[in-house]
Amino acid sequence: MKIAVPTIGGILDEYFNKCEVFTIFTVDDSNNIIDSELLYTPEGCDCKNNIPLIMQQKGVSIILVYKLPEHADNVCSKYGITPFLGYSGNVKEVVKLFINQNRNAKT
């Protein structure tokens, strides 16, 4: 699974529609983070660029955010990316929290 997080200085960027970088984490079947990469947006993150398509092509299926602008959930859905809201803090810790919450929800 691949999880994207809008990022500014290693922290989740709460201004999703203005972010300049996403960190994309690869999580294996045992729920371990095995890789991460940075994806820079060409014009900031809004509907005028192709970031959702690029994320889809990179295999991203989940995005963790603080909140989404009005149009963003439809854009995410169009590209098969499920947003999860209410997250903040260090991006790696945010992903670990999501993994633990998701693991607990399955048991």
N, C-alpha and C. Protein backbone atom coordinates (compact mmCIF):
# COMPACT_ATOMS: atom_id res chain seq x y z
N MET A 1 0.84 -1.16 0.00
CA MET A 1 0.00 0.00 0.00
C MET A 1 0.89 1.23 0.00
N LYS A 2 0.43 2.27 -0.68
CA LYS A 2 1.17 3.53 -0.69
C LYS A 2 0.27 4.62 -0.11
N ILE A 3 0.88 5.40 0.79
CA ILE A 3 0.17 6.44 1.52
C ILE A 3 0.88 7.76 1.27
N ALA A 4 0.13 8.78 0.84
CA ALA A 4 0.69 10.11 0.62
C ALA A 4 0.30 11.04 1.78
N VAL A 5 1.25 11.92 2.13
CA VAL A 5 1.03 12.89 3.19
C VAL A 5 1.55 14.25 2.71
N PRO A 6 0.71 15.31 2.68
CA PRO A 6 1.23 16.63 2.34
C PRO A 6 2.25 17.04 3.40
N THR A 7 3.39 17.54 2.98
CA THR A 7 4.52 17.71 3.90
C THR A 7 5.16 19.09 3.79
N ILE A 8 5.53 19.60 4.96
CA ILE A 8 6.35 20.81 5.03
C ILE A 8 7.34 20.61 6.18
N GLY A 9 8.61 20.49 5.86
CA GLY A 9 9.64 20.31 6.87
C GLY A 9 9.46 19.08 7.74
N GLY A 10 9.01 17.97 7.18
CA GLY A 10 8.83 16.73 7.93
C GLY A 10 7.54 16.66 8.72
N ILE A 11 6.72 17.70 8.64
CA ILE A 11 5.45 17.78 9.36
C ILE A 11 4.31 17.77 8.34
N LEU A 12 3.18 17.19 8.72
CA LEU A 12 2.01 17.21 7.84
C LEU A 12 1.61 18.66 7.59
N ASP A 13 1.53 19.03 6.33
CA ASP A 13 1.14 20.38 5.92
C ASP A 13 -0.38 20.48 5.96
N GLU A 14 -0.89 21.28 6.89
CA GLU A 14 -2.34 21.41 7.06
C GLU A 14 -2.99 22.17 5.91
N TYR A 15 -2.20 22.89 5.12
CA TYR A 15 -2.73 23.64 3.99
C TYR A 15 -2.61 22.79 2.73
N PHE A 16 -3.43 21.76 2.67
CA PHE A 16 -3.39 20.77 1.59
C PHE A 16 -3.40 21.41 0.22
N ASN A 17 -4.25 22.41 0.02
CA ASN A 17 -4.39 22.99 -1.32
C ASN A 17 -3.24 23.91 -1.70
N LYS A 18 -2.30 24.16 -0.81
CA LYS A 18 -1.14 24.99 -1.12
C LYS A 18 0.18 24.25 -0.95
N CYS A 19 0.13 22.97 -0.60
CA CYS A 19 1.37 22.25 -0.31
C CYS A 19 2.24 22.13 -1.55
N GLU A 20 3.53 22.06 -1.30
CA GLU A 20 4.50 21.96 -2.40
C GLU A 20 5.14 20.59 -2.49
N VAL A 21 4.97 19.77 -1.43
CA VAL A 21 5.62 18.46 -1.38
C VAL A 21 4.68 17.45 -0.73
N PHE A 22 4.66 16.25 -1.26
CA PHE A 22 4.02 15.11 -0.63
C PHE A 22 5.09 14.08 -0.31
N THR A 23 4.98 13.46 0.85
CA THR A 23 5.82 12.30 1.14
C THR A 23 4.97 11.07 0.87
N ILE A 24 5.48 10.17 0.05
CA ILE A 24 4.76 8.93 -0.27
C ILE A 24 5.48 7.78 0.43
N PHE A 25 4.74 7.12 1.31
CA PHE A 25 5.27 5.99 2.08
C PHE A 25 4.78 4.68 1.46
N THR A 26 5.67 3.72 1.34
CA THR A 26 5.30 2.37 0.92
C THR A 26 5.24 1.51 2.17
N VAL A 27 4.10 0.83 2.34
CA VAL A 27 3.86 -0.02 3.51
C VAL A 27 3.66 -1.45 3.01
N ASP A 28 4.40 -2.40 3.60
CA ASP A 28 4.30 -3.79 3.16
C ASP A 28 3.09 -4.50 3.79
N ASP A 29 2.90 -5.76 3.45
CA ASP A 29 1.75 -6.53 3.94
C ASP A 29 1.78 -6.77 5.45
N SER A 30 2.94 -6.58 6.06
CA SER A 30 3.06 -6.72 7.52
C SER A 30 2.93 -5.36 8.22
N ASN A 31 2.49 -4.35 7.49
CA ASN A 31 2.27 -3.00 8.01
C ASN A 31 3.55 -2.30 8.45
N ASN A 32 4.66 -2.59 7.77
CA ASN A 32 5.92 -1.91 8.03
C ASN A 32 6.18 -0.89 6.93
N ILE A 33 6.65 0.28 7.32
CA ILE A 33 7.06 1.27 6.33
C ILE A 33 8.40 0.80 5.76
N ILE A 34 8.42 0.56 4.46
CA ILE A 34 9.64 0.02 3.85
C ILE A 34 10.34 1.02 2.93
N ASP A 35 9.66 2.12 2.60
CA ASP A 35 10.28 3.10 1.71
C ASP A 35 9.50 4.40 1.80
N SER A 36 10.15 5.48 1.40
CA SER A 36 9.46 6.76 1.26
C SER A 36 10.14 7.56 0.16
N GLU A 37 9.38 8.42 -0.46
CA GLU A 37 9.91 9.30 -1.50
C GLU A 37 9.16 10.62 -1.44
N LEU A 38 9.80 11.65 -1.96
CA LEU A 38 9.16 12.97 -2.02
C LEU A 38 8.63 13.21 -3.42
N LEU A 39 7.44 13.78 -3.48
CA LEU A 39 6.82 14.16 -4.75
C LEU A 39 6.56 15.66 -4.68
N TYR A 40 7.27 16.41 -5.50
CA TYR A 40 7.13 17.87 -5.52
C TYR A 40 6.03 18.26 -6.50
N THR A 41 5.19 19.20 -6.10
CA THR A 41 4.11 19.68 -6.97
C THR A 41 4.64 20.79 -7.87
N PRO A 42 4.20 20.82 -9.12
CA PRO A 42 4.72 21.83 -10.04
C PRO A 42 4.22 23.25 -9.74
N GLU A 43 3.00 23.40 -9.24
CA GLU A 43 2.44 24.74 -9.02
C GLU A 43 1.73 24.82 -7.68
N GLY A 44 2.14 24.05 -6.69
CA GLY A 44 1.35 23.95 -5.48
C GLY A 44 0.25 22.95 -5.72
N CYS A 45 -0.40 22.55 -4.68
CA CYS A 45 -1.36 21.45 -4.79
C CYS A 45 -2.77 21.98 -4.97
N ASP A 46 -3.25 22.03 -6.19
CA ASP A 46 -4.64 22.37 -6.44
C ASP A 46 -5.08 21.70 -7.73
N CYS A 47 -6.29 21.98 -8.12
CA CYS A 47 -6.86 21.27 -9.28
C CYS A 47 -6.23 21.67 -10.61
N LYS A 48 -5.30 22.61 -10.61
CA LYS A 48 -4.68 23.05 -11.86
C LYS A 48 -3.46 22.22 -12.25
N ASN A 49 -3.05 21.29 -11.38
CA ASN A 49 -1.91 20.46 -11.74
C ASN A 49 -2.33 18.99 -11.83
N ASN A 50 -1.38 18.12 -12.12
CA ASN A 50 -1.71 16.71 -12.34
C ASN A 50 -1.24 15.81 -11.19
N ILE A 51 -1.10 16.37 -9.99
CA ILE A 51 -0.62 15.59 -8.85
C ILE A 51 -1.49 14.36 -8.56
N PRO A 52 -2.83 14.47 -8.56
CA PRO A 52 -3.63 13.25 -8.31
C PRO A 52 -3.34 12.14 -9.31
N LEU A 53 -3.19 12.49 -10.58
CA LEU A 53 -2.87 11.49 -11.60
C LEU A 53 -1.49 10.88 -11.34
N ILE A 54 -0.51 11.71 -11.01
CA ILE A 54 0.83 11.21 -10.73
C ILE A 54 0.80 10.27 -9.53
N MET A 55 0.05 10.66 -8.49
CA MET A 55 -0.07 9.79 -7.31
C MET A 55 -0.69 8.45 -7.69
N GLN A 56 -1.73 8.49 -8.50
CA GLN A 56 -2.37 7.25 -8.95
C GLN A 56 -1.37 6.39 -9.70
N GLN A 57 -0.59 6.99 -10.58
CA GLN A 57 0.41 6.25 -11.35
C GLN A 57 1.50 5.66 -10.46
N LYS A 58 1.77 6.30 -9.32
CA LYS A 58 2.76 5.79 -8.37
C LYS A 58 2.17 4.76 -7.42
N GLY A 59 0.86 4.50 -7.55
CA GLY A 59 0.23 3.47 -6.73
C GLY A 59 -0.35 3.96 -5.41
N VAL A 60 -0.44 5.27 -5.23
CA VAL A 60 -1.01 5.81 -3.99
C VAL A 60 -2.51 5.50 -3.94
N SER A 61 -2.95 4.93 -2.82
CA SER A 61 -4.38 4.64 -2.65
C SER A 61 -4.97 5.35 -1.44
N ILE A 62 -4.11 5.96 -0.59
CA ILE A 62 -4.56 6.63 0.63
C ILE A 62 -3.80 7.94 0.76
N ILE A 63 -4.51 8.97 1.22
CA ILE A 63 -3.86 10.22 1.56
C ILE A 63 -4.32 10.61 2.95
N LEU A 64 -3.37 10.98 3.80
CA LEU A 64 -3.66 11.39 5.17
C LEU A 64 -3.51 12.90 5.24
N VAL A 65 -4.57 13.58 5.71
CA VAL A 65 -4.59 15.04 5.72
C VAL A 65 -5.23 15.54 7.01
N TYR A 66 -5.03 16.83 7.27
CA TYR A 66 -5.73 17.46 8.38
C TYR A 66 -7.17 17.72 7.97
N LYS A 67 -7.34 18.40 6.84
CA LYS A 67 -8.66 18.61 6.25
C LYS A 67 -8.49 18.79 4.75
N LEU A 68 -9.60 18.68 4.03
CA LEU A 68 -9.55 18.82 2.58
C LEU A 68 -10.34 20.05 2.14
N PRO A 69 -9.87 20.73 1.10
CA PRO A 69 -10.69 21.78 0.50
C PRO A 69 -11.94 21.15 -0.12
N GLU A 70 -12.91 21.95 -0.38
CA GLU A 70 -14.22 21.48 -0.85
C GLU A 70 -14.14 20.54 -2.05
N HIS A 71 -13.34 20.84 -3.02
CA HIS A 71 -13.29 20.04 -4.26
C HIS A 71 -12.38 18.82 -4.18
N ALA A 72 -11.52 18.75 -3.19
CA ALA A 72 -10.45 17.75 -3.19
C ALA A 72 -10.93 16.32 -3.02
N ASP A 73 -11.99 16.08 -2.25
CA ASP A 73 -12.44 14.70 -2.08
C ASP A 73 -12.94 14.11 -3.39
N ASN A 74 -13.58 14.93 -4.22
CA ASN A 74 -14.02 14.45 -5.53
C ASN A 74 -12.83 14.15 -6.44
N VAL A 75 -11.81 14.99 -6.38
CA VAL A 75 -10.61 14.78 -7.19
C VAL A 75 -9.90 13.50 -6.73
N CYS A 76 -9.78 13.33 -5.42
CA CYS A 76 -9.14 12.11 -4.90
C CYS A 76 -9.91 10.87 -5.36
N SER A 77 -11.22 10.89 -5.20
CA SER A 77 -12.05 9.75 -5.59
C SER A 77 -11.91 9.42 -7.07
N LYS A 78 -11.84 10.45 -7.89
CA LYS A 78 -11.70 10.26 -9.34
C LYS A 78 -10.46 9.43 -9.67
N TYR A 79 -9.41 9.56 -8.85
CA TYR A 79 -8.15 8.86 -9.09
C TYR A 79 -7.94 7.67 -8.16
N GLY A 80 -9.01 7.23 -7.47
CA GLY A 80 -8.93 6.04 -6.64
C GLY A 80 -8.14 6.22 -5.36
N ILE A 81 -8.06 7.45 -4.87
CA ILE A 81 -7.32 7.76 -3.64
C ILE A 81 -8.32 8.08 -2.54
N THR A 82 -8.22 7.37 -1.43
CA THR A 82 -9.14 7.59 -0.31
C THR A 82 -8.49 8.52 0.71
N PRO A 83 -9.14 9.67 0.99
CA PRO A 83 -8.59 10.57 2.00
C PRO A 83 -9.04 10.19 3.41
N PHE A 84 -8.14 10.33 4.37
CA PHE A 84 -8.46 10.17 5.79
C PHE A 84 -8.09 11.48 6.46
N LEU A 85 -9.04 12.07 7.16
CA LEU A 85 -8.89 13.42 7.71
C LEU A 85 -8.58 13.41 9.20
N GLY A 86 -8.12 14.57 9.68
CA GLY A 86 -7.90 14.78 11.10
C GLY A 86 -6.50 14.50 11.58
N TYR A 87 -5.56 14.34 10.68
CA TYR A 87 -4.18 14.01 11.06
C TYR A 87 -3.32 15.27 11.14
N SER A 88 -2.33 15.25 12.04
CA SER A 88 -1.36 16.32 12.14
C SER A 88 -0.11 15.78 12.82
N GLY A 89 1.02 16.48 12.62
CA GLY A 89 2.26 16.07 13.27
C GLY A 89 3.30 15.58 12.28
N ASN A 90 4.32 14.92 12.82
CA ASN A 90 5.41 14.34 12.05
C ASN A 90 4.85 13.33 11.06
N VAL A 91 5.24 13.44 9.79
CA VAL A 91 4.63 12.61 8.75
C VAL A 91 4.81 11.12 8.97
N LYS A 92 5.98 10.70 9.40
CA LYS A 92 6.20 9.27 9.63
C LYS A 92 5.35 8.78 10.81
N GLU A 93 5.24 9.59 11.85
CA GLU A 93 4.40 9.22 13.00
C GLU A 93 2.93 9.18 12.62
N VAL A 94 2.52 10.08 11.73
CA VAL A 94 1.13 10.10 11.24
C VAL A 94 0.82 8.78 10.52
N VAL A 95 1.74 8.34 9.68
CA VAL A 95 1.54 7.07 8.95
C VAL A 95 1.51 5.90 9.93
N LYS A 96 2.40 5.89 10.90
CA LYS A 96 2.39 4.82 11.90
C LYS A 96 1.07 4.80 12.67
N LEU A 97 0.56 5.98 13.04
CA LEU A 97 -0.72 6.07 13.74
C LEU A 97 -1.84 5.50 12.87
N PHE A 98 -1.86 5.87 11.59
CA PHE A 98 -2.88 5.35 10.68
C PHE A 98 -2.78 3.83 10.58
N ILE A 99 -1.58 3.31 10.44
CA ILE A 99 -1.40 1.86 10.34
C ILE A 99 -1.93 1.17 11.60
N ASN A 100 -1.59 1.70 12.76
CA ASN A 100 -2.07 1.10 14.03
C ASN A 100 -3.58 1.19 14.16
N GLN A 101 -4.17 2.31 13.77
CA GLN A 101 -5.62 2.45 13.82
C GLN A 101 -6.28 1.47 12.86
N ASN A 102 -5.71 1.35 11.68
CA ASN A 102 -6.25 0.44 10.67
C ASN A 102 -6.11 -1.00 11.11
N ARG A 103 -4.98 -1.36 11.70
CA ARG A 103 -4.75 -2.72 12.20
C ARG A 103 -5.77 -3.04 13.28
N ASN A 104 -6.00 -2.11 14.21
CA ASN A 104 -6.96 -2.32 15.29
C ASN A 104 -8.39 -2.44 14.78
N ALA A 105 -8.69 -1.72 13.70
CA ALA A 105 -10.04 -1.79 13.15
C ALA A 105 -10.32 -3.15 12.51
N LYS A 106 -9.28 -3.85 12.08
CA LYS A 106 -9.44 -5.15 11.42
C LYS A 106 -9.52 -6.31 12.40
N THR A 107 -9.13 -6.07 13.66
CA THR A 107 -9.11 -7.18 14.62
C THR A 107 -10.37 -7.23 15.43
